[in-house]
Amino acid sequence: MESYIVNQKFKVEANNFNEAGKASSEIKLMLKKIGINSEISRRIAIASYESEMNIVIHSVGGEITLLVSPKEIMLISKDYGPGIEDIEKAMIEGYSTADDSAREMGFGAGMGLCNIKRCSDSFKIESEIGKGTTLYIKIYMKKGD
């Protein structure tokens, strides 16, 4: 069983744009405090922010779990619905189901999942209509980190 240096959950509220980005900021600070390489921290910060915003914009709420081991950093981003109807389509750059109010605030450009995948060494998405979506994001530690 993997031994984790960090195992922390962050609650994310749907439509709470005042608190949006708070979890990813806390994650970035936590990684800095434990001495994680700045390039790895940057990639995790981007992935956590994008997944956090997806929960805020598209779901009924959720959580992000940060797991740090000597070998990898994993983010598990889980929301409680409504789920993604067409994952393949959702992975296309520019495709978005964000509503007009999110777009008016500058969100919902359809780059979130693409950016998460781009920042990840390993990326998996599971979604079920009516139940929710879970993202598994891994970034591996490099030798010397």
N, C-alpha and C. Protein backbone atom coordinates (compact mmCIF):
# COMPACT_ATOMS: atom_id res chain seq x y z
N MET A 1 0.84 -1.19 0.00
CA MET A 1 0.00 0.00 0.00
C MET A 1 0.88 1.25 0.00
N GLU A 2 0.51 2.20 -0.83
CA GLU A 2 1.27 3.44 -0.98
C GLU A 2 1.24 4.27 0.31
N SER A 3 2.40 4.81 0.66
CA SER A 3 2.51 5.66 1.84
C SER A 3 2.48 7.12 1.38
N TYR A 4 1.55 7.90 1.93
CA TYR A 4 1.38 9.28 1.49
C TYR A 4 1.95 10.27 2.49
N ILE A 5 2.70 11.22 1.98
CA ILE A 5 3.23 12.33 2.78
C ILE A 5 2.07 13.29 3.08
N VAL A 6 1.21 13.46 2.08
CA VAL A 6 0.03 14.33 2.19
C VAL A 6 -1.18 13.55 1.72
N ASN A 7 -2.28 13.65 2.45
CA ASN A 7 -3.58 13.08 2.08
C ASN A 7 -4.61 14.08 2.58
N GLN A 8 -5.03 15.00 1.71
CA GLN A 8 -5.88 16.13 2.11
C GLN A 8 -7.06 16.27 1.16
N LYS A 9 -8.24 16.49 1.73
CA LYS A 9 -9.45 16.73 0.92
C LYS A 9 -9.84 18.19 1.00
N PHE A 10 -10.35 18.70 -0.11
CA PHE A 10 -10.81 20.08 -0.22
C PHE A 10 -12.22 20.06 -0.79
N LYS A 11 -13.18 20.61 -0.05
CA LYS A 11 -14.56 20.71 -0.52
C LYS A 11 -14.66 21.85 -1.54
N VAL A 12 -15.48 21.64 -2.56
CA VAL A 12 -15.70 22.66 -3.58
C VAL A 12 -17.20 22.80 -3.77
N GLU A 13 -17.69 24.04 -3.63
CA GLU A 13 -19.13 24.31 -3.77
C GLU A 13 -19.48 24.69 -5.20
N ALA A 14 -20.61 24.19 -5.66
CA ALA A 14 -21.13 24.57 -6.97
C ALA A 14 -21.49 26.05 -6.97
N ASN A 15 -21.21 26.72 -8.06
CA ASN A 15 -21.59 28.13 -8.29
C ASN A 15 -21.04 29.12 -7.28
N ASN A 16 -20.08 28.73 -6.46
CA ASN A 16 -19.50 29.66 -5.50
C ASN A 16 -18.23 30.28 -6.10
N PHE A 17 -18.43 31.28 -6.94
CA PHE A 17 -17.32 31.92 -7.64
C PHE A 17 -16.47 32.77 -6.70
N ASN A 18 -17.01 33.17 -5.54
CA ASN A 18 -16.22 33.92 -4.57
C ASN A 18 -15.12 33.07 -3.95
N GLU A 19 -15.36 31.77 -3.82
CA GLU A 19 -14.37 30.85 -3.23
C GLU A 19 -13.62 30.04 -4.29
N ALA A 20 -14.01 30.20 -5.54
CA ALA A 20 -13.39 29.44 -6.63
C ALA A 20 -11.90 29.74 -6.71
N GLY A 21 -11.10 28.70 -6.75
CA GLY A 21 -9.66 28.84 -6.80
C GLY A 21 -8.98 28.70 -5.44
N LYS A 22 -9.77 28.70 -4.38
CA LYS A 22 -9.20 28.60 -3.03
C LYS A 22 -8.51 27.25 -2.81
N ALA A 23 -9.16 26.16 -3.19
CA ALA A 23 -8.56 24.83 -3.00
C ALA A 23 -7.26 24.71 -3.76
N SER A 24 -7.24 25.14 -5.01
CA SER A 24 -6.01 25.02 -5.80
C SER A 24 -4.90 25.90 -5.25
N SER A 25 -5.23 27.06 -4.69
CA SER A 25 -4.22 27.91 -4.04
C SER A 25 -3.64 27.23 -2.81
N GLU A 26 -4.51 26.60 -2.03
CA GLU A 26 -4.05 25.87 -0.84
C GLU A 26 -3.17 24.68 -1.23
N ILE A 27 -3.53 24.01 -2.30
CA ILE A 27 -2.73 22.88 -2.79
C ILE A 27 -1.34 23.36 -3.20
N LYS A 28 -1.28 24.45 -3.93
CA LYS A 28 0.00 24.98 -4.39
C LYS A 28 0.89 25.37 -3.19
N LEU A 29 0.31 26.03 -2.19
CA LEU A 29 1.06 26.40 -0.98
C LEU A 29 1.57 25.17 -0.24
N MET A 30 0.71 24.16 -0.13
CA MET A 30 1.07 22.94 0.57
C MET A 30 2.26 22.26 -0.12
N LEU A 31 2.24 22.22 -1.44
CA LEU A 31 3.34 21.60 -2.19
C LEU A 31 4.63 22.38 -2.02
N LYS A 32 4.51 23.70 -2.00
CA LYS A 32 5.70 24.53 -1.80
C LYS A 32 6.31 24.28 -0.42
N LYS A 33 5.45 24.19 0.60
CA LYS A 33 5.92 23.96 1.97
C LYS A 33 6.68 22.64 2.13
N ILE A 34 6.27 21.62 1.39
CA ILE A 34 6.95 20.33 1.53
C ILE A 34 8.10 20.18 0.52
N GLY A 35 8.37 21.24 -0.25
CA GLY A 35 9.55 21.26 -1.11
C GLY A 35 9.41 20.58 -2.45
N ILE A 36 8.20 20.55 -2.99
CA ILE A 36 8.00 19.94 -4.30
C ILE A 36 8.55 20.89 -5.38
N ASN A 37 9.23 20.32 -6.33
CA ASN A 37 9.80 21.03 -7.48
C ASN A 37 8.78 22.00 -8.08
N SER A 38 9.22 23.21 -8.44
CA SER A 38 8.31 24.26 -8.92
C SER A 38 7.61 23.89 -10.23
N GLU A 39 8.25 23.14 -11.10
CA GLU A 39 7.61 22.73 -12.36
C GLU A 39 6.47 21.75 -12.08
N ILE A 40 6.69 20.82 -11.18
CA ILE A 40 5.64 19.86 -10.81
C ILE A 40 4.52 20.60 -10.09
N SER A 41 4.86 21.51 -9.19
CA SER A 41 3.84 22.31 -8.48
C SER A 41 3.00 23.12 -9.45
N ARG A 42 3.64 23.70 -10.46
CA ARG A 42 2.91 24.49 -11.47
C ARG A 42 1.90 23.62 -12.21
N ARG A 43 2.33 22.43 -12.62
CA ARG A 43 1.44 21.52 -13.34
C ARG A 43 0.26 21.09 -12.46
N ILE A 44 0.53 20.77 -11.20
CA ILE A 44 -0.54 20.40 -10.27
C ILE A 44 -1.48 21.58 -10.03
N ALA A 45 -0.91 22.79 -9.90
CA ALA A 45 -1.74 23.98 -9.67
C ALA A 45 -2.70 24.21 -10.84
N ILE A 46 -2.22 24.05 -12.05
CA ILE A 46 -3.08 24.22 -13.23
C ILE A 46 -4.17 23.15 -13.24
N ALA A 47 -3.78 21.90 -13.05
CA ALA A 47 -4.76 20.80 -13.08
C ALA A 47 -5.79 20.94 -11.97
N SER A 48 -5.34 21.34 -10.77
CA SER A 48 -6.28 21.47 -9.66
C SER A 48 -7.23 22.66 -9.88
N TYR A 49 -6.70 23.76 -10.42
CA TYR A 49 -7.56 24.92 -10.68
C TYR A 49 -8.62 24.58 -11.74
N GLU A 50 -8.19 23.96 -12.82
CA GLU A 50 -9.14 23.61 -13.89
C GLU A 50 -10.20 22.63 -13.37
N SER A 51 -9.79 21.65 -12.58
CA SER A 51 -10.78 20.69 -12.07
C SER A 51 -11.70 21.35 -11.04
N GLU A 52 -11.14 22.25 -10.24
CA GLU A 52 -11.95 22.98 -9.27
C GLU A 52 -13.00 23.84 -9.99
N MET A 53 -12.58 24.53 -11.04
CA MET A 53 -13.53 25.37 -11.79
C MET A 53 -14.60 24.53 -12.48
N ASN A 54 -14.23 23.34 -12.95
CA ASN A 54 -15.23 22.45 -13.54
C ASN A 54 -16.30 22.07 -12.51
N ILE A 55 -15.87 21.83 -11.28
CA ILE A 55 -16.84 21.51 -10.23
C ILE A 55 -17.73 22.72 -9.95
N VAL A 56 -17.14 23.90 -9.84
CA VAL A 56 -17.90 25.13 -9.56
C VAL A 56 -18.91 25.41 -10.67
N ILE A 57 -18.48 25.30 -11.91
CA ILE A 57 -19.31 25.69 -13.06
C ILE A 57 -20.34 24.63 -13.45
N HIS A 58 -19.93 23.37 -13.46
CA HIS A 58 -20.75 22.33 -14.11
C HIS A 58 -21.47 21.37 -13.17
N SER A 59 -21.17 21.40 -11.87
CA SER A 59 -21.70 20.34 -11.01
C SER A 59 -22.60 20.88 -9.90
N VAL A 60 -22.98 19.96 -9.03
CA VAL A 60 -23.75 20.33 -7.84
C VAL A 60 -22.85 20.31 -6.61
N GLY A 61 -21.54 20.33 -6.83
CA GLY A 61 -20.56 20.34 -5.75
C GLY A 61 -19.69 19.10 -5.78
N GLY A 62 -18.59 19.17 -5.03
CA GLY A 62 -17.69 18.03 -5.02
C GLY A 62 -16.49 18.26 -4.13
N GLU A 63 -15.43 17.52 -4.41
CA GLU A 63 -14.22 17.64 -3.62
C GLU A 63 -13.01 17.25 -4.45
N ILE A 64 -11.87 17.76 -4.02
CA ILE A 64 -10.60 17.41 -4.63
C ILE A 64 -9.73 16.81 -3.53
N THR A 65 -9.16 15.66 -3.81
CA THR A 65 -8.25 15.01 -2.86
C THR A 65 -6.84 15.10 -3.42
N LEU A 66 -5.92 15.55 -2.58
CA LEU A 66 -4.50 15.63 -2.93
C LEU A 66 -3.77 14.51 -2.20
N LEU A 67 -3.08 13.68 -2.96
CA LEU A 67 -2.28 12.60 -2.40
C LEU A 67 -0.84 12.77 -2.90
N VAL A 68 0.10 12.88 -1.97
CA VAL A 68 1.50 13.04 -2.34
C VAL A 68 2.29 11.88 -1.75
N SER A 69 3.00 11.16 -2.60
CA SER A 69 3.90 10.10 -2.16
C SER A 69 5.30 10.44 -2.68
N PRO A 70 6.30 9.70 -2.27
CA PRO A 70 7.64 9.96 -2.81
C PRO A 70 7.74 9.75 -4.33
N LYS A 71 6.81 8.99 -4.91
CA LYS A 71 6.87 8.66 -6.34
C LYS A 71 5.99 9.53 -7.22
N GLU A 72 4.87 10.04 -6.66
CA GLU A 72 3.89 10.76 -7.50
C GLU A 72 3.00 11.67 -6.68
N ILE A 73 2.35 12.56 -7.41
CA ILE A 73 1.29 13.38 -6.83
C ILE A 73 0.02 13.02 -7.58
N MET A 74 -1.03 12.74 -6.83
CA MET A 74 -2.30 12.41 -7.45
C MET A 74 -3.37 13.38 -6.96
N LEU A 75 -4.17 13.84 -7.90
CA LEU A 75 -5.37 14.60 -7.59
C LEU A 75 -6.55 13.74 -8.00
N ILE A 76 -7.51 13.63 -7.11
CA ILE A 76 -8.77 12.97 -7.45
C ILE A 76 -9.85 14.03 -7.30
N SER A 77 -10.42 14.41 -8.41
CA SER A 77 -11.44 15.45 -8.44
C SER A 77 -12.78 14.77 -8.69
N LYS A 78 -13.67 14.89 -7.70
CA LYS A 78 -14.95 14.18 -7.77
C LYS A 78 -16.11 15.16 -7.58
N ASP A 79 -17.06 15.09 -8.50
CA ASP A 79 -18.28 15.88 -8.29
C ASP A 79 -19.47 14.95 -8.18
N TYR A 80 -20.58 15.51 -7.71
CA TYR A 80 -21.76 14.72 -7.39
C TYR A 80 -22.86 14.85 -8.44
N GLY A 81 -22.50 15.21 -9.63
CA GLY A 81 -23.50 15.27 -10.70
C GLY A 81 -23.43 16.59 -11.43
N PRO A 82 -23.98 16.65 -12.58
CA PRO A 82 -24.89 15.74 -13.27
C PRO A 82 -24.21 14.66 -14.12
N GLY A 83 -22.89 14.71 -14.27
CA GLY A 83 -22.19 13.76 -15.14
C GLY A 83 -21.99 14.34 -16.52
N ILE A 84 -21.09 13.73 -17.27
CA ILE A 84 -20.77 14.19 -18.63
C ILE A 84 -21.41 13.23 -19.61
N GLU A 85 -22.24 13.79 -20.48
CA GLU A 85 -22.97 12.97 -21.45
C GLU A 85 -22.05 12.32 -22.48
N ASP A 86 -21.10 13.09 -23.00
CA ASP A 86 -20.22 12.60 -24.07
C ASP A 86 -18.78 13.00 -23.73
N ILE A 87 -18.04 12.10 -23.10
CA ILE A 87 -16.68 12.40 -22.65
C ILE A 87 -15.78 12.74 -23.83
N GLU A 88 -15.90 11.99 -24.91
CA GLU A 88 -15.08 12.24 -26.09
C GLU A 88 -15.27 13.68 -26.60
N LYS A 89 -16.50 14.11 -26.66
CA LYS A 89 -16.82 15.48 -27.10
C LYS A 89 -16.30 16.50 -26.08
N ALA A 90 -16.44 16.21 -24.79
CA ALA A 90 -15.99 17.12 -23.74
C ALA A 90 -14.48 17.32 -23.77
N MET A 91 -13.74 16.38 -24.35
CA MET A 91 -12.29 16.47 -24.43
C MET A 91 -11.81 17.30 -25.63
N ILE A 92 -12.73 17.74 -26.47
CA ILE A 92 -12.36 18.56 -27.64
C ILE A 92 -12.13 20.00 -27.18
N GLU A 93 -10.96 20.55 -27.54
CA GLU A 93 -10.64 21.93 -27.18
C GLU A 93 -11.72 22.88 -27.69
N GLY A 94 -12.22 23.72 -26.81
CA GLY A 94 -13.23 24.71 -27.19
C GLY A 94 -14.66 24.26 -26.98
N TYR A 95 -14.89 22.96 -26.77
CA TYR A 95 -16.24 22.49 -26.52
C TYR A 95 -16.61 22.77 -25.06
N SER A 96 -17.76 23.40 -24.85
CA SER A 96 -18.17 23.73 -23.49
C SER A 96 -19.68 23.64 -23.34
N THR A 97 -20.09 23.25 -22.15
CA THR A 97 -21.51 23.24 -21.80
C THR A 97 -21.80 24.29 -20.72
N ALA A 98 -20.82 25.19 -20.50
CA ALA A 98 -21.01 26.24 -19.48
C ALA A 98 -22.17 27.15 -19.87
N ASP A 99 -22.91 27.61 -18.86
CA ASP A 99 -24.03 28.49 -19.14
C ASP A 99 -23.53 29.93 -19.38
N ASP A 100 -24.45 30.79 -19.82
CA ASP A 100 -24.10 32.17 -20.17
C ASP A 100 -23.51 32.95 -18.99
N SER A 101 -24.01 32.71 -17.77
CA SER A 101 -23.49 33.47 -16.63
C SER A 101 -22.02 33.14 -16.37
N ALA A 102 -21.63 31.88 -16.51
CA ALA A 102 -20.22 31.50 -16.34
C ALA A 102 -19.37 32.12 -17.44
N ARG A 103 -19.88 32.12 -18.65
CA ARG A 103 -19.14 32.71 -19.78
C ARG A 103 -18.99 34.22 -19.62
N GLU A 104 -20.02 34.87 -19.11
CA GLU A 104 -19.95 36.32 -18.89
C GLU A 104 -18.88 36.69 -17.87
N MET A 105 -18.56 35.76 -16.95
CA MET A 105 -17.50 35.99 -15.96
C MET A 105 -16.13 35.58 -16.50
N GLY A 106 -16.08 35.10 -17.73
CA GLY A 106 -14.80 34.72 -18.34
C GLY A 106 -14.44 33.26 -18.21
N PHE A 107 -15.38 32.43 -17.77
CA PHE A 107 -15.13 31.00 -17.62
C PHE A 107 -15.88 30.23 -18.71
N GLY A 108 -15.60 28.94 -18.80
CA GLY A 108 -16.36 28.09 -19.71
C GLY A 108 -15.89 28.14 -21.14
N ALA A 109 -14.58 28.31 -21.36
CA ALA A 109 -14.05 28.37 -22.72
C ALA A 109 -13.83 26.99 -23.34
N GLY A 110 -14.07 25.94 -22.56
CA GLY A 110 -13.92 24.60 -23.10
C GLY A 110 -12.49 24.11 -23.15
N MET A 111 -11.64 24.63 -22.28
CA MET A 111 -10.24 24.22 -22.25
C MET A 111 -9.86 23.45 -20.99
N GLY A 112 -10.76 23.35 -20.03
CA GLY A 112 -10.45 22.76 -18.73
C GLY A 112 -9.93 21.34 -18.80
N LEU A 113 -10.70 20.42 -19.35
CA LEU A 113 -10.27 19.02 -19.41
C LEU A 113 -9.02 18.86 -20.27
N CYS A 114 -8.93 19.61 -21.36
CA CYS A 114 -7.73 19.55 -22.22
C CYS A 114 -6.49 20.00 -21.46
N ASN A 115 -6.62 21.09 -20.71
CA ASN A 115 -5.49 21.60 -19.93
C ASN A 115 -5.08 20.62 -18.83
N ILE A 116 -6.07 20.00 -18.20
CA ILE A 116 -5.77 19.01 -17.17
C ILE A 116 -4.98 17.84 -17.79
N LYS A 117 -5.46 17.33 -18.89
CA LYS A 117 -4.78 16.21 -19.55
C LYS A 117 -3.36 16.61 -19.97
N ARG A 118 -3.20 17.80 -20.49
CA ARG A 118 -1.89 18.30 -20.94
C ARG A 118 -0.89 18.39 -19.77
N CYS A 119 -1.36 18.73 -18.59
CA CYS A 119 -0.50 18.88 -17.41
C CYS A 119 -0.21 17.56 -16.71
N SER A 120 -0.91 16.51 -17.07
CA SER A 120 -0.83 15.22 -16.37
C SER A 120 0.14 14.26 -17.05
N ASP A 121 0.76 13.41 -16.23
CA ASP A 121 1.50 12.27 -16.78
C ASP A 121 0.54 11.10 -17.01
N SER A 122 -0.52 11.06 -16.21
CA SER A 122 -1.55 10.04 -16.33
C SER A 122 -2.89 10.72 -16.03
N PHE A 123 -3.89 10.49 -16.90
CA PHE A 123 -5.19 11.15 -16.75
C PHE A 123 -6.28 10.14 -17.09
N LYS A 124 -7.25 10.04 -16.19
CA LYS A 124 -8.38 9.14 -16.41
C LYS A 124 -9.64 9.87 -15.98
N ILE A 125 -10.70 9.69 -16.75
CA ILE A 125 -11.98 10.32 -16.41
C ILE A 125 -13.07 9.25 -16.42
N GLU A 126 -13.90 9.29 -15.37
CA GLU A 126 -15.06 8.41 -15.27
C GLU A 126 -16.27 9.29 -15.01
N SER A 127 -17.35 9.01 -15.70
CA SER A 127 -18.55 9.82 -15.49
C SER A 127 -19.79 8.96 -15.69
N GLU A 128 -20.78 9.24 -14.88
CA GLU A 128 -22.07 8.56 -14.99
C GLU A 128 -23.17 9.62 -14.87
N ILE A 129 -24.06 9.64 -15.85
CA ILE A 129 -25.15 10.61 -15.85
C ILE A 129 -25.98 10.44 -14.58
N GLY A 130 -26.24 11.58 -13.93
CA GLY A 130 -27.04 11.60 -12.71
C GLY A 130 -26.24 11.32 -11.45
N LYS A 131 -25.02 10.83 -11.59
CA LYS A 131 -24.21 10.49 -10.42
C LYS A 131 -22.98 11.38 -10.26
N GLY A 132 -22.31 11.69 -11.35
CA GLY A 132 -21.15 12.57 -11.26
C GLY A 132 -19.96 12.13 -12.07
N THR A 133 -18.89 12.88 -11.88
CA THR A 133 -17.66 12.69 -12.64
C THR A 133 -16.48 12.64 -11.69
N THR A 134 -15.53 11.76 -11.99
CA THR A 134 -14.30 11.68 -11.22
C THR A 134 -13.12 11.73 -12.17
N LEU A 135 -12.17 12.61 -11.86
CA LEU A 135 -10.93 12.73 -12.62
C LEU A 135 -9.80 12.17 -11.76
N TYR A 136 -8.94 11.38 -12.36
CA TYR A 136 -7.75 10.85 -11.70
C TYR A 136 -6.55 11.46 -12.43
N ILE A 137 -5.82 12.30 -11.74
CA ILE A 137 -4.72 13.05 -12.34
C ILE A 137 -3.45 12.69 -11.60
N LYS A 138 -2.43 12.23 -12.35
CA LYS A 138 -1.15 11.88 -11.71
C LYS A 138 -0.01 12.64 -12.38
N ILE A 139 0.91 13.07 -11.55
CA ILE A 139 2.16 13.61 -12.03
C ILE A 139 3.25 12.88 -11.26
N TYR A 140 4.17 12.31 -12.01
CA TYR A 140 5.24 11.51 -11.41
C TYR A 140 6.41 12.40 -11.01
N MET A 141 7.01 12.05 -9.88
CA MET A 141 8.20 12.75 -9.41
C MET A 141 9.36 12.36 -10.34
N LYS A 142 10.20 13.30 -10.61
CA LYS A 142 11.38 13.02 -11.42
C LYS A 142 12.56 12.77 -10.49
N LYS A 143 13.54 12.06 -10.95
CA LYS A 143 14.73 11.82 -10.14
C LYS A 143 15.36 13.15 -9.81
N GLY A 144 15.79 13.31 -8.56
CA GLY A 144 16.41 14.55 -8.12
C GLY A 144 15.45 15.52 -7.49
N ASP A 145 14.14 15.22 -7.53
CA ASP A 145 13.13 16.11 -6.91
C ASP A 145 12.96 15.77 -5.45
